[in-house]
Amino acid sequence: MSPFDSLSDPRKKMKEYLENGMKLGWLINRKDRQVEIYRAGKEVEILDSPEVLSGEDVLPGFVLDMTRIW
């Protein structure tokens, strides 16, 4: 998400990606230091200032260090 985007457009895109088979997606909002986690068949999870994000079972062993992003 770019600093100039509103959240409505990226959220619509994430839902569209889920409808087209995406299994895991992260919408990173640097301004508010939040991450919305989109998973197939589940409700969106919102994390405040997470230190790391996991690739879970979609990308086993992958970890994104969020401290470099914040």
N, C-alpha and C. Protein backbone atom coordinates (compact mmCIF):
# COMPACT_ATOMS: atom_id res chain seq x y z
N MET A 1 0.84 -1.17 0.00
CA MET A 1 0.00 0.00 0.00
C MET A 1 0.89 1.23 0.00
N SER A 2 0.63 2.13 -0.92
CA SER A 2 1.43 3.35 -0.95
C SER A 2 0.89 4.34 0.08
N PRO A 3 1.71 5.32 0.49
CA PRO A 3 1.27 6.29 1.49
C PRO A 3 0.06 7.10 1.06
N PHE A 4 -0.23 7.14 -0.23
CA PHE A 4 -1.33 7.96 -0.74
C PHE A 4 -2.62 7.17 -0.96
N ASP A 5 -2.57 5.85 -0.81
CA ASP A 5 -3.75 5.01 -1.01
C ASP A 5 -4.71 5.14 0.17
N SER A 6 -6.00 5.05 -0.13
CA SER A 6 -6.97 4.85 0.95
C SER A 6 -7.05 3.34 1.14
N LEU A 7 -7.57 2.90 2.24
CA LEU A 7 -7.63 1.46 2.50
C LEU A 7 -8.70 0.74 1.68
N SER A 8 -9.69 1.46 1.18
CA SER A 8 -10.79 0.78 0.50
C SER A 8 -10.34 0.06 -0.77
N ASP A 9 -9.51 0.68 -1.58
CA ASP A 9 -9.06 0.03 -2.82
C ASP A 9 -8.19 -1.20 -2.55
N PRO A 10 -7.17 -1.10 -1.71
CA PRO A 10 -6.37 -2.30 -1.44
C PRO A 10 -7.19 -3.43 -0.80
N ARG A 11 -8.15 -3.09 0.05
CA ARG A 11 -9.00 -4.13 0.65
C ARG A 11 -9.82 -4.84 -0.42
N LYS A 12 -10.35 -4.09 -1.36
CA LYS A 12 -11.11 -4.69 -2.46
C LYS A 12 -10.22 -5.63 -3.27
N LYS A 13 -8.99 -5.19 -3.52
CA LYS A 13 -8.05 -6.03 -4.27
C LYS A 13 -7.73 -7.31 -3.52
N MET A 14 -7.52 -7.21 -2.23
CA MET A 14 -7.21 -8.40 -1.44
C MET A 14 -8.37 -9.40 -1.49
N LYS A 15 -9.59 -8.91 -1.39
CA LYS A 15 -10.76 -9.79 -1.48
C LYS A 15 -10.86 -10.43 -2.86
N GLU A 16 -10.54 -9.65 -3.88
CA GLU A 16 -10.55 -10.19 -5.25
C GLU A 16 -9.48 -11.28 -5.39
N TYR A 17 -8.30 -11.04 -4.82
CA TYR A 17 -7.24 -12.05 -4.87
C TYR A 17 -7.68 -13.33 -4.18
N LEU A 18 -8.37 -13.20 -3.03
CA LEU A 18 -8.87 -14.38 -2.33
C LEU A 18 -9.86 -15.15 -3.20
N GLU A 19 -10.73 -14.42 -3.86
CA GLU A 19 -11.71 -15.06 -4.74
C GLU A 19 -11.05 -15.80 -5.90
N ASN A 20 -9.84 -15.37 -6.24
CA ASN A 20 -9.11 -15.99 -7.35
C ASN A 20 -8.05 -16.98 -6.90
N GLY A 21 -8.12 -17.40 -5.64
CA GLY A 21 -7.26 -18.49 -5.19
C GLY A 21 -6.11 -18.15 -4.27
N MET A 22 -5.94 -16.89 -3.91
CA MET A 22 -4.87 -16.55 -2.98
C MET A 22 -5.12 -17.25 -1.65
N LYS A 23 -4.06 -17.76 -1.05
CA LYS A 23 -4.19 -18.47 0.23
C LYS A 23 -3.79 -17.61 1.41
N LEU A 24 -2.86 -16.68 1.20
CA LEU A 24 -2.38 -15.82 2.28
C LEU A 24 -1.95 -14.49 1.69
N GLY A 25 -2.41 -13.41 2.30
CA GLY A 25 -2.01 -12.08 1.85
C GLY A 25 -1.88 -11.13 3.02
N TRP A 26 -0.93 -10.22 2.90
CA TRP A 26 -0.70 -9.21 3.93
C TRP A 26 -0.93 -7.83 3.33
N LEU A 27 -1.77 -7.06 3.96
CA LEU A 27 -1.96 -5.66 3.59
C LEU A 27 -1.26 -4.84 4.67
N ILE A 28 -0.12 -4.26 4.30
CA ILE A 28 0.71 -3.55 5.27
C ILE A 28 0.40 -2.05 5.20
N ASN A 29 -0.04 -1.52 6.33
CA ASN A 29 -0.39 -0.11 6.46
C ASN A 29 0.68 0.55 7.33
N ARG A 30 1.70 1.10 6.70
CA ARG A 30 2.81 1.69 7.44
C ARG A 30 2.38 2.90 8.27
N LYS A 31 1.43 3.67 7.74
CA LYS A 31 0.98 4.88 8.43
C LYS A 31 0.44 4.56 9.82
N ASP A 32 -0.41 3.54 9.92
CA ASP A 32 -1.02 3.16 11.20
C ASP A 32 -0.31 2.00 11.88
N ARG A 33 0.78 1.51 11.24
CA ARG A 33 1.55 0.38 11.78
C ARG A 33 0.66 -0.83 12.03
N GLN A 34 -0.15 -1.13 11.04
CA GLN A 34 -1.04 -2.29 11.13
C GLN A 34 -0.84 -3.20 9.92
N VAL A 35 -1.13 -4.47 10.14
CA VAL A 35 -1.12 -5.44 9.06
C VAL A 35 -2.45 -6.18 9.09
N GLU A 36 -3.09 -6.23 7.94
CA GLU A 36 -4.31 -7.03 7.80
C GLU A 36 -3.89 -8.32 7.12
N ILE A 37 -4.20 -9.44 7.76
CA ILE A 37 -3.83 -10.75 7.21
C ILE A 37 -5.08 -11.38 6.61
N TYR A 38 -4.98 -11.69 5.33
CA TYR A 38 -6.07 -12.31 4.59
C TYR A 38 -5.71 -13.76 4.36
N ARG A 39 -6.63 -14.67 4.76
CA ARG A 39 -6.45 -16.10 4.58
C ARG A 39 -7.70 -16.68 3.94
N ALA A 40 -7.50 -17.63 3.07
CA ALA A 40 -8.63 -18.28 2.40
C ALA A 40 -9.56 -18.91 3.44
N GLY A 41 -10.84 -18.59 3.34
CA GLY A 41 -11.85 -19.19 4.20
C GLY A 41 -11.89 -18.68 5.62
N LYS A 42 -11.18 -17.60 5.93
CA LYS A 42 -11.16 -17.07 7.30
C LYS A 42 -11.41 -15.58 7.30
N GLU A 43 -11.79 -15.07 8.47
CA GLU A 43 -11.97 -13.64 8.66
C GLU A 43 -10.61 -12.94 8.63
N VAL A 44 -10.61 -11.69 8.25
CA VAL A 44 -9.39 -10.89 8.23
C VAL A 44 -8.91 -10.68 9.66
N GLU A 45 -7.62 -10.87 9.87
CA GLU A 45 -7.00 -10.63 11.17
C GLU A 45 -6.19 -9.34 11.08
N ILE A 46 -6.34 -8.46 12.06
CA ILE A 46 -5.60 -7.20 12.07
C ILE A 46 -4.62 -7.21 13.23
N LEU A 47 -3.35 -6.98 12.90
CA LEU A 47 -2.30 -6.93 13.92
C LEU A 47 -1.77 -5.50 14.03
N ASP A 48 -1.54 -5.06 15.26
CA ASP A 48 -0.95 -3.75 15.52
C ASP A 48 0.54 -3.90 15.76
N SER A 49 1.34 -3.24 14.95
CA SER A 49 2.80 -3.19 15.08
C SER A 49 3.46 -4.55 15.30
N PRO A 50 3.15 -5.54 14.47
CA PRO A 50 3.81 -6.84 14.67
C PRO A 50 5.31 -6.72 14.38
N GLU A 51 6.10 -7.50 15.09
CA GLU A 51 7.55 -7.50 14.87
C GLU A 51 7.92 -8.38 13.69
N VAL A 52 7.15 -9.46 13.49
CA VAL A 52 7.40 -10.39 12.39
C VAL A 52 6.08 -10.87 11.81
N LEU A 53 6.14 -11.29 10.54
CA LEU A 53 5.01 -11.96 9.90
C LEU A 53 5.51 -13.31 9.42
N SER A 54 4.68 -14.32 9.59
CA SER A 54 5.04 -15.67 9.21
C SER A 54 4.38 -16.06 7.89
N GLY A 55 5.08 -16.84 7.11
CA GLY A 55 4.51 -17.38 5.88
C GLY A 55 3.55 -18.53 6.14
N GLU A 56 3.43 -18.90 7.41
CA GLU A 56 2.51 -19.95 7.85
C GLU A 56 2.72 -21.22 7.03
N ASP A 57 1.64 -21.93 6.72
CA ASP A 57 1.78 -23.17 5.95
C ASP A 57 1.88 -22.91 4.45
N VAL A 58 1.67 -21.67 4.02
CA VAL A 58 1.74 -21.32 2.60
C VAL A 58 3.21 -21.17 2.17
N LEU A 59 4.01 -20.53 3.01
CA LEU A 59 5.45 -20.35 2.77
C LEU A 59 6.20 -20.81 4.02
N PRO A 60 6.27 -22.11 4.26
CA PRO A 60 6.91 -22.61 5.48
C PRO A 60 8.34 -22.08 5.63
N GLY A 61 8.63 -21.60 6.83
CA GLY A 61 9.96 -21.11 7.13
C GLY A 61 10.20 -19.65 6.77
N PHE A 62 9.27 -19.04 6.01
CA PHE A 62 9.44 -17.64 5.64
C PHE A 62 9.00 -16.74 6.79
N VAL A 63 9.85 -15.78 7.14
CA VAL A 63 9.53 -14.80 8.18
C VAL A 63 9.93 -13.43 7.67
N LEU A 64 9.00 -12.48 7.74
CA LEU A 64 9.27 -11.10 7.35
C LEU A 64 9.51 -10.27 8.60
N ASP A 65 10.70 -9.69 8.70
CA ASP A 65 11.06 -8.85 9.85
C ASP A 65 10.43 -7.47 9.66
N MET A 66 9.35 -7.21 10.37
CA MET A 66 8.62 -5.95 10.23
C MET A 66 9.35 -4.78 10.87
N THR A 67 10.31 -5.02 11.75
CA THR A 67 11.03 -3.91 12.37
C THR A 67 11.80 -3.11 11.32
N ARG A 68 12.14 -3.73 10.20
CA ARG A 68 12.83 -3.02 9.12
C ARG A 68 11.85 -2.14 8.33
N ILE A 69 10.58 -2.48 8.40
CA ILE A 69 9.57 -1.73 7.65
C ILE A 69 9.04 -0.56 8.47
N TRP A 70 8.87 -0.76 9.75
CA TRP A 70 8.35 0.33 10.58
C TRP A 70 9.41 1.37 10.75
